[in-house]
Amino acid sequence: MYIDSHCHLSFPEIKAKLPEIREAMVAAQVDRALCICTTLEEFDEVHALAMAYDNFWATAGVHPDTEGLREPSLDDLLTLAARPRVIGIGETGLDYYRLNGRSVADMEWQRERFRIHIRASKQTGLPLVIHTRSASDDTIAILKEEGGFHQAKGVNGVFHCFTETMDVARAALDLGFYISFSGILTFKTAADLREVARFVPIERCLIETDSPYLAPVPHRGKTNNPSFVPFVAKLIGELKGMTPEAVGEHTSLNFERLFLSSKVSAKVTSGA
């Protein structure tokens, strides 16, 4: 019924508990999850999860905050994207939250990395999983420069763990992207974000945990895991006058439309 569209099950604080987590997912009716790659060094472990379990998939990408590790080339991403059960490019994007004494101009390396991911998305037809923090203007601008959204090989994707303004949400929707909400939506301080979630059409919403981070109320402060994603669906349902089950059904269809559509069905089937 529910799909966690973004989780990090290879991270140390969560991977040792995977059998327990999978049992909790069954109990919570969370039947699928997308395991997100954040470094090239991590990819094999993330991909192994997708190959070991027929209800997990993987992405290929390097998180914008990653420094001091292997830098992705376009060929790297194309090679990894060709592997079975890889259905997305990312997570990628821009993050200016921790500049560590640098200026935004100094972050050109991050912008170039984002461009490489966008080009990989265009060549493979796989959707982008976008992370943006304190960098929404540049994120949107680069997508417009590189995307080719209305062409045969344009890009689409999702703005994951959305915490931006209503204007950014409108810009993302105008570009054809989905918007994914996490447990942050349940936090007391997230009133503005709840208004964004109320605004975004259910046909363009996804839900996620971003495990092991950002556990939703009533589990805030605990290690997050995919079995908690129904709490995000419940809050969205309250905002939109829907049952959690209906939100689960809509967001699952949205996930299938974005990640498991005909352009990638052959790839998914070959790895099933």
Protein backbone atom coordinates (compact mmCIF):
# COMPACT_ATOMS: atom_id res chain seq x y z
CA MET A 1 0.00 0.00 0.00
CA TYR A 2 2.82 2.45 0.87
CA ILE A 3 6.15 3.06 -0.87
CA ASP A 4 9.10 4.74 0.81
CA SER A 5 10.49 6.67 -2.15
CA HIS A 6 13.77 7.65 -0.46
CA CYS A 7 15.73 5.81 2.21
CA HIS A 8 19.35 5.01 3.07
CA LEU A 9 19.29 1.40 4.20
CA SER A 10 23.03 0.98 3.64
CA PHE A 11 23.94 3.51 6.32
CA PRO A 12 25.66 2.00 9.40
CA GLU A 13 23.01 3.03 11.91
CA ILE A 14 20.31 1.08 10.07
CA LYS A 15 21.76 -1.73 7.93
CA ALA A 16 22.39 -4.12 10.84
CA LYS A 17 18.69 -4.01 11.68
CA LEU A 18 17.45 -4.81 8.18
CA PRO A 19 15.65 -8.10 9.01
CA GLU A 20 13.79 -6.35 11.84
CA ILE A 21 13.01 -3.38 9.61
CA ARG A 22 11.64 -5.59 6.86
CA GLU A 23 9.30 -7.25 9.34
CA ALA A 24 8.15 -3.82 10.53
CA MET A 25 7.53 -2.78 6.91
CA VAL A 26 5.24 -5.75 6.38
CA ALA A 27 3.31 -4.91 9.54
CA ALA A 28 2.96 -1.27 8.42
CA GLN A 29 1.92 -2.23 4.86
CA VAL A 30 5.01 -0.60 3.38
CA ASP A 31 5.61 -2.96 0.51
CA ARG A 32 8.40 -1.25 -1.47
CA ALA A 33 11.35 1.11 -0.99
CA LEU A 34 13.90 2.96 -3.10
CA CYS A 35 17.43 2.72 -1.69
CA ILE A 36 19.37 5.88 -2.44
CA CYS A 37 23.04 6.08 -3.37
CA THR A 38 25.10 9.03 -2.09
CA THR A 39 28.66 8.14 -3.17
CA LEU A 40 30.29 6.01 -5.85
CA GLU A 41 32.01 4.09 -3.06
CA GLU A 42 28.62 3.22 -1.57
CA PHE A 43 26.96 2.10 -4.80
CA ASP A 44 27.79 -1.61 -4.66
CA GLU A 45 26.27 -1.93 -1.20
CA VAL A 46 23.13 -0.01 -2.19
CA HIS A 47 22.79 -2.03 -5.37
CA ALA A 48 23.22 -5.29 -3.47
CA LEU A 49 20.10 -4.45 -1.44
CA ALA A 50 18.10 -3.99 -4.62
CA MET A 51 19.38 -7.26 -6.02
CA ALA A 52 18.74 -9.18 -2.80
CA TYR A 53 15.12 -8.09 -2.29
CA ASP A 54 12.51 -7.88 -5.02
CA ASN A 55 10.72 -4.96 -3.31
CA PHE A 56 13.82 -2.74 -3.19
CA TRP A 57 15.34 -0.66 -5.98
CA ALA A 58 18.47 1.49 -6.19
CA THR A 59 19.71 4.78 -7.60
CA ALA A 60 23.15 5.85 -8.83
CA GLY A 61 24.59 9.20 -7.85
CA VAL A 62 26.74 11.38 -5.61
CA HIS A 63 25.19 13.63 -2.97
CA PRO A 64 26.01 17.33 -3.37
CA ASP A 65 27.59 17.49 0.10
CA THR A 66 30.08 14.70 -0.68
CA GLU A 67 33.69 15.90 -0.70
CA GLY A 68 37.01 14.10 -0.63
CA LEU A 69 35.73 10.97 -2.36
CA ARG A 70 35.61 9.87 -5.98
CA GLU A 71 34.09 12.46 -8.28
CA PRO A 72 31.50 11.06 -10.72
CA SER A 73 32.02 11.30 -14.45
CA LEU A 74 29.22 11.00 -16.95
CA ASP A 75 30.57 7.59 -17.96
CA ASP A 76 30.53 6.46 -14.32
CA LEU A 77 26.87 7.32 -13.94
CA LEU A 78 25.89 5.79 -17.29
CA THR A 79 27.67 2.55 -16.40
CA LEU A 80 26.00 2.29 -13.00
CA ALA A 81 22.61 3.28 -14.38
CA ALA A 82 22.76 0.32 -16.78
CA ARG A 83 22.86 -2.14 -13.88
CA PRO A 84 19.68 -4.12 -13.11
CA ARG A 85 17.17 -2.55 -10.73
CA VAL A 86 18.73 0.93 -10.93
CA ILE A 87 15.79 3.24 -11.56
CA GLY A 88 17.00 6.75 -10.73
CA ILE A 89 19.93 9.17 -10.93
CA GLY A 90 20.94 10.75 -7.65
CA GLU A 91 20.61 11.87 -5.13
CA THR A 92 21.99 14.96 -6.72
CA GLY A 93 21.42 18.69 -6.59
CA LEU A 94 22.89 21.63 -4.70
CA ASP A 95 23.48 22.35 -1.04
CA TYR A 96 24.80 25.71 0.12
CA TYR A 97 23.82 25.21 3.76
CA ARG A 98 27.35 24.37 4.91
CA LEU A 99 29.68 26.61 2.96
CA ASN A 100 32.40 26.32 5.64
CA GLY A 101 33.78 29.76 4.91
CA ARG A 102 33.38 29.52 1.14
CA SER A 103 31.23 31.72 -1.04
CA VAL A 104 28.45 30.50 -3.34
CA ALA A 105 30.77 31.31 -6.23
CA ASP A 106 33.25 28.81 -4.79
CA MET A 107 30.69 26.01 -5.19
CA GLU A 108 31.02 25.73 -8.96
CA TRP A 109 32.33 22.18 -8.48
CA GLN A 110 28.96 21.30 -6.98
CA ARG A 111 27.05 22.93 -9.83
CA GLU A 112 29.14 21.05 -12.40
CA ARG A 113 28.49 17.76 -10.59
CA PHE A 114 24.76 18.50 -10.74
CA ARG A 115 25.02 19.17 -14.48
CA ILE A 116 26.71 15.80 -14.99
CA HIS A 117 23.84 14.05 -13.21
CA ILE A 118 21.29 15.90 -15.33
CA ARG A 119 23.10 14.79 -18.48
CA ALA A 120 23.08 11.21 -17.22
CA SER A 121 19.34 11.48 -16.64
CA LYS A 122 18.80 12.75 -20.18
CA GLN A 123 20.88 9.98 -21.74
CA THR A 124 19.38 7.13 -19.71
CA GLY A 125 15.80 8.35 -19.37
CA LEU A 126 16.00 7.71 -15.62
CA PRO A 127 14.47 10.33 -13.30
CA LEU A 128 16.53 12.64 -11.13
CA VAL A 129 16.35 12.48 -7.33
CA ILE A 130 17.05 16.08 -6.34
CA HIS A 131 18.35 17.41 -3.05
CA THR A 132 18.31 21.19 -2.68
CA ARG A 133 19.08 23.16 0.46
CA SER A 134 19.69 26.90 0.62
CA ALA A 135 20.26 26.73 -3.14
CA SER A 136 16.84 26.62 -4.77
CA ASP A 137 17.43 29.49 -7.23
CA ASP A 138 20.51 27.85 -8.70
CA THR A 139 18.87 24.40 -8.62
CA ILE A 140 15.94 25.61 -10.71
CA ALA A 141 18.15 27.68 -13.02
CA ILE A 142 20.48 24.77 -13.81
CA LEU A 143 17.57 22.43 -14.41
CA LYS A 144 16.18 24.93 -16.91
CA GLU A 145 19.56 25.34 -18.61
CA GLU A 146 20.28 21.62 -18.88
CA GLY A 147 16.93 19.90 -18.80
CA GLY A 148 15.15 20.02 -22.11
CA PHE A 149 11.98 19.07 -20.28
CA HIS A 150 9.59 18.88 -23.21
CA GLN A 151 11.88 16.98 -25.54
CA ALA A 152 11.92 13.24 -26.16
CA LYS A 153 14.98 12.89 -23.95
CA GLY A 154 14.28 15.58 -21.41
CA VAL A 155 14.51 15.08 -17.67
CA ASN A 156 11.99 14.56 -14.92
CA GLY A 157 12.24 13.45 -11.34
CA VAL A 158 11.45 14.39 -7.77
CA PHE A 159 12.46 17.09 -5.32
CA HIS A 160 13.02 14.84 -2.33
CA CYS A 161 12.51 15.73 1.34
CA PHE A 162 10.98 19.02 0.29
CA THR A 163 11.45 21.90 2.73
CA GLU A 164 11.41 24.86 0.35
CA THR A 165 8.89 27.66 -0.18
CA MET A 166 5.64 27.71 -2.08
CA ASP A 167 7.37 29.52 -4.94
CA VAL A 168 9.95 26.76 -5.27
CA ALA A 169 7.19 24.16 -5.21
CA ARG A 170 5.41 25.97 -8.04
CA ALA A 171 8.64 26.14 -10.05
CA ALA A 172 9.30 22.42 -9.54
CA LEU A 173 5.75 21.53 -10.55
CA ASP A 174 5.97 23.79 -13.61
CA LEU A 175 9.04 21.83 -14.71
CA GLY A 176 7.10 18.58 -14.40
CA PHE A 177 8.75 17.33 -11.21
CA TYR A 178 7.15 15.45 -8.36
CA ILE A 179 7.54 16.64 -4.77
CA SER A 180 8.28 14.23 -1.94
CA PHE A 181 7.47 14.93 1.69
CA SER A 182 9.23 13.39 4.68
CA GLY A 183 8.66 13.20 8.43
CA ILE A 184 9.58 16.89 8.67
CA LEU A 185 5.98 17.53 7.64
CA THR A 186 4.84 16.27 11.08
CA PHE A 187 7.10 18.60 13.08
CA LYS A 188 5.48 21.44 15.03
CA THR A 189 7.77 23.97 13.35
CA ALA A 190 6.68 22.93 9.82
CA ALA A 191 3.48 24.97 9.49
CA ASP A 192 4.64 26.66 6.26
CA LEU A 193 5.65 23.33 4.79
CA ARG A 194 2.23 21.90 5.59
CA GLU A 195 0.70 24.68 3.52
CA VAL A 196 2.96 23.67 0.63
CA ALA A 197 1.85 20.05 1.04
CA ARG A 198 -1.77 21.17 1.04
CA PHE A 199 -1.12 23.02 -2.23
CA VAL A 200 0.75 20.31 -4.15
CA PRO A 201 -1.74 18.12 -6.06
CA ILE A 202 -1.87 14.56 -4.75
CA GLU A 203 -1.09 13.41 -8.29
CA ARG A 204 2.36 15.00 -7.90
CA CYS A 205 3.16 13.89 -4.33
CA LEU A 206 5.51 11.19 -3.11
CA ILE A 207 6.22 10.15 0.47
CA GLU A 208 9.51 9.14 2.02
CA THR A 209 11.38 8.67 5.27
CA ASP A 210 14.94 9.71 4.30
CA SER A 211 15.88 6.97 6.79
CA PRO A 212 17.74 6.85 9.08
CA TYR A 213 17.06 10.56 9.60
CA LEU A 214 14.01 12.71 10.33
CA ALA A 215 11.71 10.22 12.03
CA PRO A 216 8.14 11.56 12.04
CA VAL A 217 6.08 12.36 15.10
CA PRO A 218 5.39 10.28 17.23
CA HIS A 219 8.82 8.70 16.67
CA ARG A 220 10.83 11.91 16.42
CA GLY A 221 14.31 11.44 17.86
CA LYS A 222 14.43 7.74 17.05
CA THR A 223 16.27 6.13 14.16
CA ASN A 224 13.95 6.40 11.19
CA ASN A 225 13.09 3.47 8.92
CA PRO A 226 10.65 2.79 6.04
CA SER A 227 7.96 1.38 8.34
CA PHE A 228 7.36 4.94 9.56
CA VAL A 229 6.33 6.33 6.15
CA PRO A 230 2.57 5.84 6.84
CA PHE A 231 2.81 8.66 9.40
CA VAL A 232 3.74 11.01 6.55
CA ALA A 233 0.78 9.70 4.55
CA LYS A 234 -1.51 10.27 7.53
CA LEU A 235 -0.49 13.92 7.84
CA ILE A 236 -0.91 14.53 4.12
CA GLY A 237 -4.33 12.92 4.36
CA GLU A 238 -5.32 15.28 7.16
CA LEU A 239 -4.27 18.25 5.03
CA LYS A 240 -6.15 17.05 1.96
CA GLY A 241 -9.21 15.42 3.54
CA MET A 242 -8.13 11.93 2.51
CA THR A 243 -7.54 8.68 4.36
CA PRO A 244 -3.94 7.56 4.84
CA GLU A 245 -4.76 4.54 2.69
CA ALA A 246 -5.90 6.77 -0.18
CA VAL A 247 -2.70 8.81 0.10
CA GLY A 248 -0.73 5.56 0.04
CA GLU A 249 -2.52 4.43 -3.10
CA HIS A 250 -2.03 7.75 -4.91
CA THR A 251 1.64 8.11 -3.97
CA SER A 252 2.34 4.50 -4.92
CA LEU A 253 0.83 5.10 -8.35
CA ASN A 254 2.89 8.26 -8.64
CA PHE A 255 6.05 6.33 -7.78
CA GLU A 256 5.23 3.73 -10.40
CA ARG A 257 4.52 6.41 -12.98
CA LEU A 258 7.80 8.20 -12.30
CA PHE A 259 10.23 5.37 -11.65
CA LEU A 260 8.65 2.24 -13.12
CA SER A 261 7.12 3.63 -16.30
CA SER A 262 7.49 2.03 -19.70
CA LYS A 263 10.83 3.75 -20.40
CA VAL A 264 12.45 1.80 -17.58
CA SER A 265 10.21 -1.28 -17.38
CA ALA A 266 12.64 -3.41 -19.39
CA LYS A 267 15.47 -2.49 -17.02
CA VAL A 268 13.37 -3.34 -13.96
CA THR A 269 12.09 -6.61 -15.40
CA SER A 270 15.57 -7.75 -16.36
CA GLY A 271 16.71 -7.38 -12.76
CA ALA A 272 13.63 -8.84 -11.09
